[in-house]
Amino acid sequence: MTLSEDKLSEDKEVCSVVATCRDAPVTPGVTIEDACRLIPHGQSKKYKAKGNPAGGAYNWTATGGISIVGAANTKVVEVKGDTISGAVDDAELKVEYTHSGKKDSDSVKLTVYAITDIKAKIKSTPGAFPISGSRIGLWDQ
């Protein structure tokens, strides 16, 4: 835009803005959502990751007494407890998220457990009725 000198002398402000748009650098982020840290031995659980911005690629890995069942390159992964843990948090599930050539990762420590013994203790007097009129708690003498 060109203004003559008489236009400029009218105390008007003239601005010129030149802008170049570029894509902002993408910094991806990923989190494993609502991760239960206990897996029953011989059973499996599903874990879900949320990558940001959307549209990236997932890659899951498992170490310790756990394994990935099925595909390891999806948003949701199924993890099986293969070996009972020798210590708390001795297995690890990790997801790597790649977007626009950049990466981020998240991991969670897991424990594979097994219930091997159940002991029940009942405190009652043999032959006593703990609830009036019921036979709950009746013991053979």
Foldseek 3Di string as FASTA:
>chain_A
DDDDPVVVVVVDDDDDDDDDDDDDDDDKDKDWPPDDQEAEAFDKDKIFMDMPPPDWWKAKDKDDQKDWDDDRTDRMTMIHRHDADPDAQPMKMKMWIDDPRDIDMDMDGHGYHYDDDDDDDDDDDACDDPDPPDCPRHDDD
